[in-house]
C-alpha atoms as a PDB file:
ATOM      1  CA  MET A   1     103.630 102.585  83.585  1.00  0.00           C
ATOM      2  CA  ASP A   2     107.325 101.902  83.411  1.00  0.00           C
ATOM      3  CA  GLU A   3     107.394  98.332  82.109  1.00  0.00           C
ATOM      4  CA  GLN A   4     109.207  98.094  78.822  1.00  0.00           C
ATOM      5  CA  ILE A   5     107.832  95.896  76.085  1.00  0.00           C
ATOM      6  CA  ILE A   6     109.224  95.024  72.688  1.00  0.00           C
ATOM      7  CA  CYS A   7     107.381  94.897  69.380  1.00  0.00           C
ATOM      8  CA  VAL A   8     107.601  91.349  68.025  1.00  0.00           C
ATOM      9  CA  ASP A   9     105.086  91.686  65.184  1.00  0.00           C
ATOM     10  CA  ALA A  10     105.220  94.804  63.033  1.00  0.00           C
ATOM     11  CA  LYS A  11     103.753  93.125  59.960  1.00  0.00           C
ATOM     12  CA  PHE A  12     100.848  95.185  58.663  1.00  0.00           C
ATOM     13  CA  THR A  13      98.837  94.869  55.471  1.00  0.00           C
ATOM     14  CA  ALA A  14      99.439  97.173  52.527  1.00  0.00           C
ATOM     15  CA  ASP A  15      95.958  98.643  53.086  1.00  0.00           C
ATOM     16  CA  GLN A  16      96.735  99.401  56.739  1.00  0.00           C
ATOM     17  CA  LEU A  17     100.038 101.048  55.843  1.00  0.00           C
ATOM     18  CA  ALA A  18      98.443 103.147  53.082  1.00  0.00           C
ATOM     19  CA  PHE A  19      95.676 104.299  55.437  1.00  0.00           C
ATOM     20  CA  TRP A  20      98.194 105.281  58.106  1.00  0.00           C
ATOM     21  CA  VAL A  21     100.400 107.155  55.641  1.00  0.00           C
ATOM     22  CA  HIS A  22      97.335 109.071  54.437  1.00  0.00           C
ATOM     23  CA  TRP A  23      96.437 110.103  58.004  1.00  0.00           C
ATOM     24  CA  GLY A  24      99.991 110.645  59.290  1.00  0.00           C
ATOM     25  CA  VAL A  25      99.918 107.690  61.679  1.00  0.00           C
ATOM     26  CA  THR A  26     103.107 106.206  63.117  1.00  0.00           C
ATOM     27  CA  HIS A  27     102.996 102.473  63.841  1.00  0.00           C
ATOM     28  CA  PRO A  28     105.161 100.296  66.104  1.00  0.00           C
ATOM     29  CA  LEU A  29     108.395  99.016  64.592  1.00  0.00           C
ATOM     30  CA  GLN A  30     109.837  95.522  64.890  1.00  0.00           C
ATOM     31  CA  ASP A  31     112.288  94.982  67.787  1.00  0.00           C
ATOM     32  CA  VAL A  32     111.805  98.494  69.214  1.00  0.00           C
ATOM     33  CA  LEU A  33     111.176  99.052  72.934  1.00  0.00           C
ATOM     34  CA  TYR A  34     107.992 100.793  74.076  1.00  0.00           C
ATOM     35  CA  THR A  35     106.055 101.513  77.280  1.00  0.00           C
ATOM     36  CA  VAL A  36     102.282 101.433  77.705  1.00  0.00           C
ATOM     37  CA  ARG A  37     100.525 104.809  77.891  1.00  0.00           C
ATOM     38  CA  GLU A  38      96.924 103.657  78.111  1.00  0.00           C
ATOM     39  CA  ILE A  39      94.761 100.550  77.987  1.00  0.00           C
ATOM     40  CA  ILE A  40      91.863 100.642  75.548  1.00  0.00           C
ATOM     41  CA  ALA A  41      88.958  98.583  76.872  1.00  0.00           C
ATOM     42  CA  LYS A  42      87.010  96.276  74.602  1.00  0.00           C
ATOM     43  CA  ASN A  43      85.033  98.127  71.979  1.00  0.00           C
ATOM     44  CA  SER A  44      81.659  97.069  70.568  1.00  0.00           C
ATOM     45  CA  GLU A  45      83.414  94.519  68.346  1.00  0.00           C
ATOM     46  CA  GLY A  46      85.280  92.955  71.283  1.00  0.00           C
ATOM     47  CA  ASN A  47      88.677  94.445  70.393  1.00  0.00           C
ATOM     48  CA  SER A  48      91.002  95.949  72.975  1.00  0.00           C
ATOM     49  CA  GLY A  49      94.544  97.203  72.854  1.00  0.00           C
ATOM     50  CA  ILE A  50      97.151  99.633  74.089  1.00  0.00           C
ATOM     51  CA  LEU A  51      98.491 103.070  73.316  1.00  0.00           C
ATOM     52  CA  LEU A  52     102.231 103.615  73.617  1.00  0.00           C
ATOM     53  CA  ASN A  53     104.100 106.475  75.299  1.00  0.00           C
ATOM     54  CA  GLU A  54     106.532 106.673  72.411  1.00  0.00           C
ATOM     55  CA  ILE A  55     103.842 106.958  69.712  1.00  0.00           C
ATOM     56  CA  ASN A  56     101.210 109.701  69.783  1.00  0.00           C
ATOM     57  CA  ASN A  57      99.001 109.683  66.719  1.00  0.00           C
ATOM     58  CA  PRO A  58      96.227 111.901  65.406  1.00  0.00           C
ATOM     59  CA  LYS A  59      92.658 110.654  65.570  1.00  0.00           C
ATOM     60  CA  VAL A  60      91.554 108.922  62.381  1.00  0.00           C
ATOM     61  CA  PRO A  61      88.109 107.977  61.029  1.00  0.00           C
ATOM     62  CA  ILE A  62      87.095 104.430  61.927  1.00  0.00           C
ATOM     63  CA  ALA A  63      83.837 102.735  60.936  1.00  0.00           C
ATOM     64  CA  HIS A  64      81.764 101.888  64.018  1.00  0.00           C
ATOM     65  CA  PRO A  65      78.771  99.523  63.792  1.00  0.00           C
ATOM     66  CA  ILE A  66      76.571 101.742  65.991  1.00  0.00           C
ATOM     67  CA  LEU A  67      78.015 105.260  65.794  1.00  0.00           C
ATOM     68  CA  GLY A  68      78.873 105.229  62.106  1.00  0.00           C
ATOM     69  CA  THR A  69      82.240 106.837  61.491  1.00  0.00           C
ATOM     70  CA  THR A  70      84.026 107.963  64.628  1.00  0.00           C
ATOM     71  CA  MET A  71      87.439 109.500  65.231  1.00  0.00           C
ATOM     72  CA  ILE A  72      89.903 107.607  67.456  1.00  0.00           C
ATOM     73  CA  GLU A  73      93.637 107.353  67.961  1.00  0.00           C
ATOM     74  CA  PRO A  74      94.790 104.025  66.499  1.00  0.00           C
ATOM     75  CA  TYR A  75      95.737 101.519  69.179  1.00  0.00           C
ATOM     76  CA  TRP A  76      97.780  98.335  68.994  1.00  0.00           C
ATOM     77  CA  ASN A  77      96.933  94.735  69.795  1.00  0.00           C
ATOM     78  CA  VAL A  78      98.894  93.413  72.771  1.00  0.00           C
ATOM     79  CA  THR A  79      99.740  90.270  70.798  1.00  0.00           C
ATOM     80  CA  ARG A  80     102.171  92.394  68.760  1.00  0.00           C
ATOM     81  CA  PHE A  81     104.361  92.798  71.860  1.00  0.00           C
ATOM     82  CA  ALA A  82     106.353  90.753  74.379  1.00  0.00           C
ATOM     83  CA  THR A  83     108.094  91.434  77.665  1.00  0.00           C
ATOM     84  CA  LEU A  84     111.855  91.927  77.567  1.00  0.00           C
ATOM     85  CA  GLY A  85     112.124  88.325  78.786  1.00  0.00           C
ATOM     86  CA  GLY A  86     110.319  87.163  75.643  1.00  0.00           C
ATOM     87  CA  THR A  87     106.961  86.318  77.245  1.00  0.00           C
ATOM     88  CA  PRO A  88     104.075  87.202  74.908  1.00  0.00           C
ATOM     89  CA  LEU A  89     102.162  90.172  76.274  1.00  0.00           C
ATOM     90  CA  THR A  90      98.554  89.703  77.385  1.00  0.00           C
ATOM     91  CA  MET A  91      95.878  92.208  78.292  1.00  0.00           C
ATOM     92  CA  GLU A  92      95.787  90.709  81.803  1.00  0.00           C
ATOM     93  CA  MET A  93      99.508  91.497  82.258  1.00  0.00           C
ATOM     94  CA  VAL A  94      99.004  95.085  81.126  1.00  0.00           C
ATOM     95  CA  LYS A  95      96.008  95.529  83.439  1.00  0.00           C
ATOM     96  CA  GLU A  96      98.041  94.195  86.371  1.00  0.00           C
ATOM     97  CA  TRP A  97     100.830  96.660  85.573  1.00  0.00           C
ATOM     98  CA  GLU A  98      98.228  99.428  85.506  1.00  0.00           C
ATOM     99  CA  ARG A  99      96.848  98.362  88.929  1.00  0.00           C
ATOM    100  CA  GLU A 100     100.373  98.291  90.398  1.00  0.00           C
ATOM    101  CA  TYR A 101     101.185 101.671  88.846  1.00  0.00           C
ATOM    102  CA  GLN A 102      98.023 103.252  90.281  1.00  0.00           C
ATOM    103  CA  LEU A 103      98.696 101.775  93.721  1.00  0.00           C
ATOM    104  CA  THR A 104     102.270 103.082  93.733  1.00  0.00           C
ATOM    105  CA  LYS A 105     101.123 106.472  92.445  1.00  0.00           C
ATOM    106  CA  ASN A 106      98.430 106.724  95.136  1.00  0.00           C
ATOM    107  CA  LEU A 107     100.927 105.798  97.879  1.00  0.00           C
ATOM    108  CA  ASN A 108     103.441 108.368  96.546  1.00  0.00           C
ATOM    109  CA  PHE A 109     106.331 105.897  96.200  1.00  0.00           C
END
């Protein structure tokens, strides 16, 4: 997808930052432009998010209520981002971009 988004909330807890440093994870930075690489559908806890083209992280251990500990690439909540026009990003917007991207890709535009 080509739509640029901007990180408007790069405030993370000290525990999150320490965990990411330990595992070599890069997180989004405030006021930096990104593009969406992948949509992560809702997990068993109802969370969903996005992966960014500009950030590729290693898989890290995450506690899962059914699977125990599982390894996943950290993903980011869409509420941390906005469009370049300042509109808060929603999962519905990202899914629509994905549908448009797939349509264009399939039609070879």
